[in-house]
């Protein structure tokens, strides 16, 4: 069996090294970036200052003819609605 020439061996070695460099570095950078993504996503949500309303004025209220006026007023008072005399009502008024 013939041994490959020394020049051919060096050429193949250079090709293998260049392929490793050209493919290994981008693959390594990509894997490093993908491993860092979950921490970047959580960091984005941790830094946001979320503002939620302190009171929510929505509730399922079934008003029926059997419900007494006193119970309705008690429920509205518990939800911090305010009685007003004007005909034009704003949020939180009855």
PDB file of N, CA and C in Angstrom:
ATOM      1  N   UNK A   1       0.840  -1.174   0.000  1.00  0.00           N
ATOM      2  CA  UNK A   1       0.000   0.000   0.000  1.00  0.00           C
ATOM      3  C   UNK A   1       0.887   1.239   0.000  1.00  0.00           C
ATOM      4  N   UNK A   2       0.509   2.195  -0.790  1.00  0.00           N
ATOM      5  CA  UNK A   2       1.310   3.418  -0.922  1.00  0.00           C
ATOM      6  C   UNK A   2       0.974   4.404   0.197  1.00  0.00           C
ATOM      7  N   UNK A   3       1.967   5.029   0.697  1.00  0.00           N
ATOM      8  CA  UNK A   3       1.790   6.115   1.654  1.00  0.00           C
ATOM      9  C   UNK A   3       1.538   7.404   0.879  1.00  0.00           C
ATOM     10  N   UNK A   4       0.568   8.261   1.355  1.00  0.00           N
ATOM     11  CA  UNK A   4       0.376   9.537   0.675  1.00  0.00           C
ATOM     12  C   UNK A   4       1.630  10.388   0.818  1.00  0.00           C
ATOM     13  N   UNK A   5       1.837  11.236  -0.145  1.00  0.00           N
ATOM     14  CA  UNK A   5       3.011  12.115  -0.128  1.00  0.00           C
ATOM     15  C   UNK A   5       2.918  13.097   1.031  1.00  0.00           C
ATOM     16  N   UNK A   6       4.047  13.551   1.466  1.00  0.00           N
ATOM     17  CA  UNK A   6       4.124  14.484   2.589  1.00  0.00           C
ATOM     18  C   UNK A   6       3.360  15.776   2.285  1.00  0.00           C
ATOM     19  N   UNK A   7       3.453  16.266   1.059  1.00  0.00           N
ATOM     20  CA  UNK A   7       2.758  17.495   0.673  1.00  0.00           C
ATOM     21  C   UNK A   7       1.246  17.334   0.733  1.00  0.00           C
ATOM     22  N   UNK A   8       0.749  16.155   0.354  1.00  0.00           N
ATOM     23  CA  UNK A   8      -0.693  15.890   0.403  1.00  0.00           C
ATOM     24  C   UNK A   8      -1.169  15.837   1.847  1.00  0.00           C
ATOM     25  N   UNK A   9      -0.392  15.233   2.724  1.00  0.00           N
ATOM     26  CA  UNK A   9      -0.766  15.160   4.136  1.00  0.00           C
ATOM     27  C   UNK A   9      -0.843  16.553   4.753  1.00  0.00           C
ATOM     28  N   UNK A  10       0.109  17.377   4.456  1.00  0.00           N
ATOM     29  CA  UNK A  10       0.108  18.752   4.987  1.00  0.00           C
ATOM     30  C   UNK A  10      -1.079  19.528   4.434  1.00  0.00           C
ATOM     31  N   UNK A  11      -1.369  19.353   3.153  1.00  0.00           N
ATOM     32  CA  UNK A  11      -2.505  20.045   2.532  1.00  0.00           C
ATOM     33  C   UNK A  11      -3.816  19.629   3.203  1.00  0.00           C
ATOM     34  N   UNK A  12      -4.008  18.312   3.416  1.00  0.00           N
ATOM     35  CA  UNK A  12      -5.226  17.826   4.079  1.00  0.00           C
ATOM     36  C   UNK A  12      -5.310  18.335   5.517  1.00  0.00           C
ATOM     37  N   UNK A  13      -4.195  18.378   6.204  1.00  0.00           N
ATOM     38  CA  UNK A  13      -4.176  18.888   7.574  1.00  0.00           C
ATOM     39  C   UNK A  13      -4.575  20.363   7.613  1.00  0.00           C
ATOM     40  N   UNK A  14      -4.073  21.146   6.679  1.00  0.00           N
ATOM     41  CA  UNK A  14      -4.432  22.575   6.612  1.00  0.00           C
ATOM     42  C   UNK A  14      -5.919  22.734   6.315  1.00  0.00           C
ATOM     43  N   UNK A  15      -6.456  21.919   5.399  1.00  0.00           N
ATOM     44  CA  UNK A  15      -7.890  21.988   5.072  1.00  0.00           C
ATOM     45  C   UNK A  15      -8.729  21.649   6.298  1.00  0.00           C
ATOM     46  N   UNK A  16      -8.350  20.609   7.031  1.00  0.00           N
ATOM     47  CA  UNK A  16      -9.100  20.216   8.233  1.00  0.00           C
ATOM     48  C   UNK A  16      -9.049  21.320   9.283  1.00  0.00           C
ATOM     49  N   UNK A  17      -7.896  21.925   9.479  1.00  0.00           N
ATOM     50  CA  UNK A  17      -7.766  23.015  10.458  1.00  0.00           C
ATOM     51  C   UNK A  17      -8.609  24.215  10.037  1.00  0.00           C
ATOM     52  N   UNK A  18      -8.581  24.568   8.767  1.00  0.00           N
ATOM     53  CA  UNK A  18      -9.384  25.700   8.289  1.00  0.00           C
ATOM     54  C   UNK A  18     -10.876  25.424   8.431  1.00  0.00           C
ATOM     55  N   UNK A  19     -11.309  24.190   8.117  1.00  0.00           N
ATOM     56  CA  UNK A  19     -12.723  23.843   8.298  1.00  0.00           C
ATOM     57  C   UNK A  19     -13.121  23.938   9.764  1.00  0.00           C
ATOM     58  N   UNK A  20     -12.265  23.464  10.645  1.00  0.00           N
ATOM     59  CA  UNK A  20     -12.549  23.543  12.069  1.00  0.00           C
ATOM     60  C   UNK A  20     -12.690  24.996  12.515  1.00  0.00           C
ATOM     61  N   UNK A  21     -11.790  25.851  12.055  1.00  0.00           N
ATOM     62  CA  UNK A  21     -11.849  27.268  12.423  1.00  0.00           C
ATOM     63  C   UNK A  21     -13.094  27.921  11.830  1.00  0.00           C
ATOM     64  N   UNK A  22     -13.353  27.667  10.551  1.00  0.00           N
ATOM     65  CA  UNK A  22     -14.479  28.325   9.873  1.00  0.00           C
ATOM     66  C   UNK A  22     -15.831  27.841  10.378  1.00  0.00           C
ATOM     67  N   UNK A  23     -15.919  26.600  10.810  1.00  0.00           N
ATOM     68  CA  UNK A  23     -17.193  26.079  11.309  1.00  0.00           C
ATOM     69  C   UNK A  23     -17.271  26.104  12.830  1.00  0.00           C
ATOM     70  N   UNK A  24     -16.174  25.883  13.498  1.00  0.00           N
ATOM     71  CA  UNK A  24     -16.178  25.789  14.954  1.00  0.00           C
ATOM     72  C   UNK A  24     -16.467  27.098  15.650  1.00  0.00           C
ATOM     73  N   UNK A  25     -15.861  28.157  15.170  1.00  0.00           N
ATOM     74  CA  UNK A  25     -16.059  29.461  15.823  1.00  0.00           C
ATOM     75  C   UNK A  25     -17.512  29.931  15.700  1.00  0.00           C
ATOM     76  N   UNK A  26     -18.135  29.945  14.507  1.00  0.00           N
ATOM     77  CA  UNK A  26     -19.547  30.366  14.438  1.00  0.00           C
ATOM     78  C   UNK A  26     -20.483  29.462  15.240  1.00  0.00           C
ATOM     79  N   UNK A  27     -20.221  28.166  15.232  1.00  0.00           N
ATOM     80  CA  UNK A  27     -21.068  27.255  16.012  1.00  0.00           C
ATOM     81  C   UNK A  27     -20.906  27.538  17.504  1.00  0.00           C
ATOM     82  N   UNK A  28     -19.693  27.770  17.960  1.00  0.00           N
ATOM     83  CA  UNK A  28     -19.463  28.087  19.366  1.00  0.00           C
ATOM     84  C   UNK A  28     -20.128  29.389  19.783  1.00  0.00           C
ATOM     85  N   UNK A  29     -20.033  30.395  18.936  1.00  0.00           N
ATOM     86  CA  UNK A  29     -20.674  31.686  19.236  1.00  0.00           C
ATOM     87  C   UNK A  29     -22.189  31.515  19.281  1.00  0.00           C
ATOM     88  N   UNK A  30     -22.748  30.766  18.342  1.00  0.00           N
ATOM     89  CA  UNK A  30     -24.199  30.545  18.304  1.00  0.00           C
ATOM     90  C   UNK A  30     -24.672  29.803  19.546  1.00  0.00           C
ATOM     91  N   UNK A  31     -23.969  28.771  19.940  1.00  0.00           N
ATOM     92  CA  UNK A  31     -24.354  28.018  21.142  1.00  0.00           C
ATOM     93  C   UNK A  31     -24.264  28.910  22.379  1.00  0.00           C
ATOM     94  N   UNK A  32     -23.228  29.715  22.481  1.00  0.00           N
ATOM     95  CA  UNK A  32     -23.108  30.631  23.613  1.00  0.00           C
ATOM     96  C   UNK A  32     -24.241  31.640  23.660  1.00  0.00           C
ATOM     97  N   UNK A  33     -24.638  32.151  22.510  1.00  0.00           N
ATOM     98  CA  UNK A  33     -25.740  33.114  22.451  1.00  0.00           C
ATOM     99  C   UNK A  33     -27.052  32.453  22.851  1.00  0.00           C
ATOM    100  N   UNK A  34     -27.309  31.252  22.362  1.00  0.00           N
ATOM    101  CA  UNK A  34     -28.546  30.547  22.700  1.00  0.00           C
ATOM    102  C   UNK A  34     -28.620  30.221  24.179  1.00  0.00           C
ATOM    103  N   UNK A  35     -27.500  29.920  24.788  1.00  0.00           N
ATOM    104  CA  UNK A  35     -27.512  29.619  26.218  1.00  0.00           C
ATOM    105  C   UNK A  35     -27.796  30.865  27.046  1.00  0.00           C
ATOM    106  N   UNK A  36     -27.482  32.032  26.507  1.00  0.00           N
ATOM    107  CA  UNK A  36     -27.670  33.284  27.230  1.00  0.00           C
ATOM    108  C   UNK A  36     -29.083  33.841  27.041  1.00  0.00           C
ATOM    109  N   UNK A  37     -29.822  33.398  26.038  1.00  0.00           N
ATOM    110  CA  UNK A  37     -31.137  33.960  25.740  1.00  0.00           C
ATOM    111  C   UNK A  37     -32.131  33.895  26.901  1.00  0.00           C
ATOM    112  N   UNK A  38     -32.289  32.776  27.616  1.00  0.00           N
ATOM    113  CA  UNK A  38     -33.263  32.766  28.715  1.00  0.00           C
ATOM    114  C   UNK A  38     -32.982  33.829  29.769  1.00  0.00           C
ATOM    115  N   UNK A  39     -31.723  34.076  30.087  1.00  0.00           N
ATOM    116  CA  UNK A  39     -31.418  35.100  31.088  1.00  0.00           C
ATOM    117  C   UNK A  39     -31.723  36.494  30.550  1.00  0.00           C
ATOM    118  N   UNK A  40     -31.542  36.718  29.256  1.00  0.00           N
ATOM    119  CA  UNK A  40     -31.872  38.022  28.674  1.00  0.00           C
ATOM    120  C   UNK A  40     -33.369  38.262  28.693  1.00  0.00           C
ATOM    121  N   UNK A  41     -34.165  37.228  28.426  1.00  0.00           N
ATOM    122  CA  UNK A  41     -35.617  37.377  28.413  1.00  0.00           C
ATOM    123  C   UNK A  41     -36.145  37.671  29.807  1.00  0.00           C
ATOM    124  N   UNK A  42     -35.657  36.969  30.824  1.00  0.00           N
ATOM    125  CA  UNK A  42     -36.128  37.221  32.181  1.00  0.00           C
ATOM    126  C   UNK A  42     -35.671  38.592  32.664  1.00  0.00           C
ATOM    127  N   UNK A  43     -34.501  39.022  32.249  1.00  0.00           N
ATOM    128  CA  UNK A  43     -33.996  40.337  32.641  1.00  0.00           C
ATOM    129  C   UNK A  43     -34.886  41.441  32.089  1.00  0.00           C
ATOM    130  N   UNK A  44     -35.395  41.255  30.884  1.00  0.00           N
ATOM    131  CA  UNK A  44     -36.262  42.270  30.280  1.00  0.00           C
ATOM    132  C   UNK A  44     -37.537  42.445  31.093  1.00  0.00           C
ATOM    133  N   UNK A  45     -38.126  41.343  31.585  1.00  0.00           N
ATOM    134  CA  UNK A  45     -39.366  41.443  32.344  1.00  0.00           C
ATOM    135  C   UNK A  45     -39.129  41.885  33.777  1.00  0.00           C
ATOM    136  N   UNK A  46     -37.982  41.589  34.341  1.00  0.00           N
ATOM    137  CA  UNK A  46     -37.702  42.008  35.711  1.00  0.00           C
ATOM    138  C   UNK A  46     -37.497  43.513  35.804  1.00  0.00           C
ATOM    139  N   UNK A  47     -36.984  44.135  34.766  1.00  0.00           N
ATOM    140  CA  UNK A  47     -36.695  45.566  34.809  1.00  0.00           C
ATOM    141  C   UNK A  47     -37.909  46.422  34.512  1.00  0.00           C
ATOM    142  N   UNK A  48     -38.968  45.842  34.004  1.00  0.00           N
ATOM    143  CA  UNK A  48     -40.149  46.647  33.688  1.00  0.00           C
ATOM    144  C   UNK A  48     -40.912  46.948  34.968  1.00  0.00           C
ATOM    145  N   UNK A  49     -41.410  48.133  35.036  1.00  0.00           N
ATOM    146  CA  UNK A  49     -42.238  48.524  36.161  1.00  0.00           C
ATOM    147  C   UNK A  49     -43.688  48.347  35.740  1.00  0.00           C
ATOM    148  N   UNK A  50     -44.287  47.265  36.187  1.00  0.00           N
ATOM    149  CA  UNK A  50     -45.668  46.974  35.791  1.00  0.00           C
ATOM    150  C   UNK A  50     -46.609  47.763  36.685  1.00  0.00           C
ATOM    151  N   UNK A  51     -47.610  48.365  36.069  1.00  0.00           N
ATOM    152  CA  UNK A  51     -48.591  49.142  36.816  1.00  0.00           C
ATOM    153  C   UNK A  51     -49.957  48.503  36.623  1.00  0.00           C
ATOM    154  N   UNK A  52     -50.527  48.044  37.723  1.00  0.00           N
ATOM    155  CA  UNK A  52     -51.852  47.455  37.689  1.00  0.00           C
ATOM    156  C   UNK A  52     -52.784  48.355  38.485  1.00  0.00           C
ATOM    157  N   UNK A  53     -54.041  48.392  38.113  1.00  0.00           N
ATOM    158  CA  UNK A  53     -54.973  49.225  38.870  1.00  0.00           C
ATOM    159  C   UNK A  53     -55.117  48.689  40.292  1.00  0.00           C
ATOM    160  N   UNK A  54     -55.241  49.612  41.229  1.00  0.00           N
ATOM    161  CA  UNK A  54     -55.367  49.174  42.608  1.00  0.00           C
ATOM    162  C   UNK A  54     -56.777  48.687  42.913  1.00  0.00           C
ATOM    163  N   UNK A  55     -57.745  49.128  42.134  1.00  0.00           N
ATOM    164  CA  UNK A  55     -59.118  48.654  42.296  1.00  0.00           C
ATOM    165  C   UNK A  55     -59.662  48.277  40.942  1.00  0.00           C
ATOM    166  N   UNK A  56     -60.395  47.219  40.935  1.00  0.00           N
ATOM    167  CA  UNK A  56     -61.037  46.786  39.702  1.00  0.00           C
ATOM    168  C   UNK A  56     -62.532  46.935  39.911  1.00  0.00           C
ATOM    169  N   UNK A  57     -63.179  47.703  39.046  1.00  0.00           N
ATOM    170  CA  UNK A  57     -64.599  47.961  39.186  1.00  0.00           C
ATOM    171  C   UNK A  57     -65.429  47.024  38.312  1.00  0.00           C
ATOM    172  N   UNK A  58     -65.011  45.808  38.174  1.00  0.00           N
ATOM    173  CA  UNK A  58     -65.825  44.873  37.406  1.00  0.00           C
ATOM    174  C   UNK A  58     -66.107  43.655  38.267  1.00  0.00           C
ATOM    175  N   UNK A  59     -67.318  43.223  38.213  1.00  0.00           N
ATOM    176  CA  UNK A  59     -67.745  42.064  38.970  1.00  0.00           C
ATOM    177  C   UNK A  59     -69.032  41.565  38.326  1.00  0.00           C
ATOM    178  N   UNK A  60     -69.298  40.303  38.501  1.00  0.00           N
ATOM    179  CA  UNK A  60     -70.560  39.779  37.985  1.00  0.00           C
ATOM    180  C   UNK A  60     -71.630  40.108  39.013  1.00  0.00           C
ATOM    181  N   UNK A  61     -72.505  40.983  38.656  1.00  0.00           N
ATOM    182  CA  UNK A  61     -73.594  41.369  39.550  1.00  0.00           C
ATOM    183  C   UNK A  61     -74.907  41.046  38.858  1.00  0.00           C
ATOM    184  N   UNK A  62     -75.623  40.127  39.441  1.00  0.00           N
ATOM    185  CA  UNK A  62     -76.919  39.767  38.876  1.00  0.00           C
ATOM    186  C   UNK A  62     -77.987  40.555  39.628  1.00  0.00           C
ATOM    187  N   UNK A  63     -78.560  41.470  38.916  1.00  0.00           N
ATOM    188  CA  UNK A  63     -79.615  42.289  39.510  1.00  0.00           C
ATOM    189  C   UNK A  63     -80.942  41.715  39.038  1.00  0.00           C
ATOM    190  N   UNK A  64     -81.749  41.367  39.998  1.00  0.00           N
ATOM    191  CA  UNK A  64     -83.041  40.763  39.666  1.00  0.00           C
ATOM    192  C   UNK A  64     -84.134  41.452  40.469  1.00  0.00           C
ATOM    193  N   UNK A  65     -85.375  41.253  40.081  1.00  0.00           N
ATOM    194  CA  UNK A  65     -86.477  41.875  40.839  1.00  0.00           C
ATOM    195  C   UNK A  65     -86.526  41.398  42.294  1.00  0.00           C
ATOM    196  N   UNK A  66     -85.990  40.214  42.577  1.00  0.00           N
ATOM    197  CA  UNK A  66     -86.013  39.705  43.955  1.00  0.00           C
ATOM    198  C   UNK A  66     -84.958  40.376  44.840  1.00  0.00           C
ATOM    199  N   UNK A  67     -83.964  41.038  44.248  1.00  0.00           N
ATOM    200  CA  UNK A  67     -82.911  41.683  45.033  1.00  0.00           C
ATOM    201  C   UNK A  67     -83.465  42.959  45.656  1.00  0.00           C
ATOM    202  N   UNK A  68     -83.206  43.123  46.940  1.00  0.00           N
ATOM    203  CA  UNK A  68     -83.721  44.316  47.614  1.00  0.00           C
ATOM    204  C   UNK A  68     -82.833  45.523  47.306  1.00  0.00           C
ATOM    205  N   UNK A  69     -83.434  46.686  47.410  1.00  0.00           N
ATOM    206  CA  UNK A  69     -82.700  47.929  47.169  1.00  0.00           C
ATOM    207  C   UNK A  69     -81.575  48.078  48.187  1.00  0.00           C
ATOM    208  N   UNK A  70     -81.824  47.688  49.423  1.00  0.00           N
ATOM    209  CA  UNK A  70     -80.807  47.808  50.478  1.00  0.00           C
ATOM    210  C   UNK A  70     -79.592  46.930  50.158  1.00  0.00           C
ATOM    211  N   UNK A  71     -79.820  45.719  49.656  1.00  0.00           N
ATOM    212  CA  UNK A  71     -78.692  44.846  49.295  1.00  0.00           C
ATOM    213  C   UNK A  71     -77.891  45.427  48.132  1.00  0.00           C
ATOM    214  N   UNK A  72     -78.586  46.029  47.160  1.00  0.00           N
ATOM    215  CA  UNK A  72     -77.895  46.640  46.029  1.00  0.00           C
ATOM    216  C   UNK A  72     -77.028  47.807  46.498  1.00  0.00           C
ATOM    217  N   UNK A  73     -77.573  48.661  47.347  1.00  0.00           N
ATOM    218  CA  UNK A  73     -76.813  49.803  47.861  1.00  0.00           C
ATOM    219  C   UNK A  73     -75.638  49.318  48.706  1.00  0.00           C
ATOM    220  N   UNK A  74     -75.849  48.273  49.512  1.00  0.00           N
ATOM    221  CA  UNK A  74     -74.768  47.727  50.334  1.00  0.00           C
ATOM    222  C   UNK A  74     -73.631  47.197  49.448  1.00  0.00           C
ATOM    223  N   UNK A  75     -74.006  46.529  48.365  1.00  0.00           N
ATOM    224  CA  UNK A  75     -72.990  46.001  47.439  1.00  0.00           C
ATOM    225  C   UNK A  75     -72.215  47.143  46.788  1.00  0.00           C
ATOM    226  N   UNK A  76     -72.908  48.190  46.343  1.00  0.00           N
ATOM    227  CA  UNK A  76     -72.240  49.333  45.716  1.00  0.00           C
ATOM    228  C   UNK A  76     -71.328  50.052  46.710  1.00  0.00           C
ATOM    229  N   UNK A  77     -71.769  50.170  47.955  1.00  0.00           N
ATOM    230  CA  UNK A  77     -70.924  50.798  48.983  1.00  0.00           C
ATOM    231  C   UNK A  77     -69.669  49.963  49.249  1.00  0.00           C
ATOM    232  N   UNK A  78     -69.822  48.644  49.279  1.00  0.00           N
ATOM    233  CA  UNK A  78     -68.678  47.764  49.512  1.00  0.00           C
ATOM    234  C   UNK A  78     -67.641  47.896  48.391  1.00  0.00           C
ATOM    235  N   UNK A  79     -68.106  48.193  47.178  1.00  0.00           N
ATOM    236  CA  UNK A  79     -67.204  48.380  46.040  1.00  0.00           C
ATOM    237  C   UNK A  79     -66.721  49.827  45.917  1.00  0.00           C
ATOM    238  N   UNK A  80     -66.995  50.641  46.946  1.00  0.00           N
ATOM    239  CA  UNK A  80     -66.575  52.047  47.018  1.00  0.00           C
ATOM    240  C   UNK A  80     -67.192  52.926  45.938  1.00  0.00           C
ATOM    241  N   UNK A  81     -68.398  52.597  45.523  1.00  0.00           N
ATOM    242  CA  UNK A  81     -69.138  53.512  44.650  1.00  0.00           C
ATOM    243  C   UNK A  81     -69.715  54.613  45.529  1.00  0.00           C
ATOM    244  N   UNK A  82     -69.870  55.805  44.968  1.00  0.00           N
ATOM    245  CA  UNK A  82     -70.353  56.954  45.723  1.00  0.00           C
ATOM    246  C   UNK A  82     -71.706  57.406  45.185  1.00  0.00           C
ATOM    247  N   UNK A  83     -72.671  57.641  46.067  1.00  0.00           N
ATOM    248  CA  UNK A  83     -73.955  58.176  45.579  1.00  0.00           C
ATOM    249  C   UNK A  83     -73.792  59.657  45.219  1.00  0.00           C
ATOM    250  N   UNK A  84     -74.418  60.072  44.119  1.00  0.00           N
ATOM    251  CA  UNK A  84     -74.368  61.470  43.694  1.00  0.00           C
ATOM    252  C   UNK A  84     -75.771  61.919  43.313  1.00  0.00           C
ATOM    253  N   UNK A  85     -75.945  63.242  43.287  1.00  0.00           N
ATOM    254  CA  UNK A  85     -77.252  63.792  42.948  1.00  0.00           C
ATOM    255  C   UNK A  85     -77.362  64.175  41.478  1.00  0.00           C
ATOM    256  N   UNK A  86     -76.239  64.357  40.763  1.00  0.00           N
ATOM    257  CA  UNK A  86     -76.320  64.770  39.354  1.00  0.00           C
ATOM    258  C   UNK A  86     -76.843  63.613  38.505  1.00  0.00           C
ATOM    259  N   UNK A  87     -77.288  64.000  37.330  1.00  0.00           N
ATOM    260  CA  UNK A  87     -77.750  62.974  36.398  1.00  0.00           C
ATOM    261  C   UNK A  87     -76.586  62.395  35.602  1.00  0.00           C
ATOM    262  N   UNK A  88     -75.520  63.159  35.468  1.00  0.00           N
ATOM    263  CA  UNK A  88     -74.366  62.653  34.730  1.00  0.00           C
ATOM    264  C   UNK A  88     -73.438  61.937  35.710  1.00  0.00           C
ATOM    265  N   UNK A  89     -73.237  60.644  35.462  1.00  0.00           N
ATOM    266  CA  UNK A  89     -72.438  59.824  36.372  1.00  0.00           C
ATOM    267  C   UNK A  89     -71.049  59.593  35.812  1.00  0.00           C
ATOM    268  N   UNK A  90     -70.091  59.547  36.703  1.00  0.00           N
ATOM    269  CA  UNK A  90     -68.719  59.187  36.355  1.00  0.00           C
ATOM    270  C   UNK A  90     -68.437  57.784  36.875  1.00  0.00           C
ATOM    271  N   UNK A  91     -67.243  57.308  36.615  1.00  0.00           N
ATOM    272  CA  UNK A  91     -66.870  55.984  37.106  1.00  0.00           C
ATOM    273  C   UNK A  91     -66.932  55.962  38.625  1.00  0.00           C
ATOM    274  N   UNK A  92     -67.477  54.886  39.159  1.00  0.00           N
ATOM    275  CA  UNK A  92     -67.529  54.720  40.601  1.00  0.00           C
ATOM    276  C   UNK A  92     -68.649  55.491  41.271  1.00  0.00           C
ATOM    277  N   UNK A  93     -69.635  55.930  40.515  1.00  0.00           N
ATOM    278  CA  UNK A  93     -70.765  56.679  41.088  1.00  0.00           C
ATOM    279  C   UNK A  93     -72.073  55.994  40.715  1.00  0.00           C
ATOM    280  N   UNK A  94     -73.062  56.189  41.601  1.00  0.00           N
ATOM    281  CA  UNK A  94     -74.416  55.714  41.298  1.00  0.00           C
ATOM    282  C   UNK A  94     -75.430  56.720  41.762  1.00  0.00           C
TER     283      UNK A  94
END
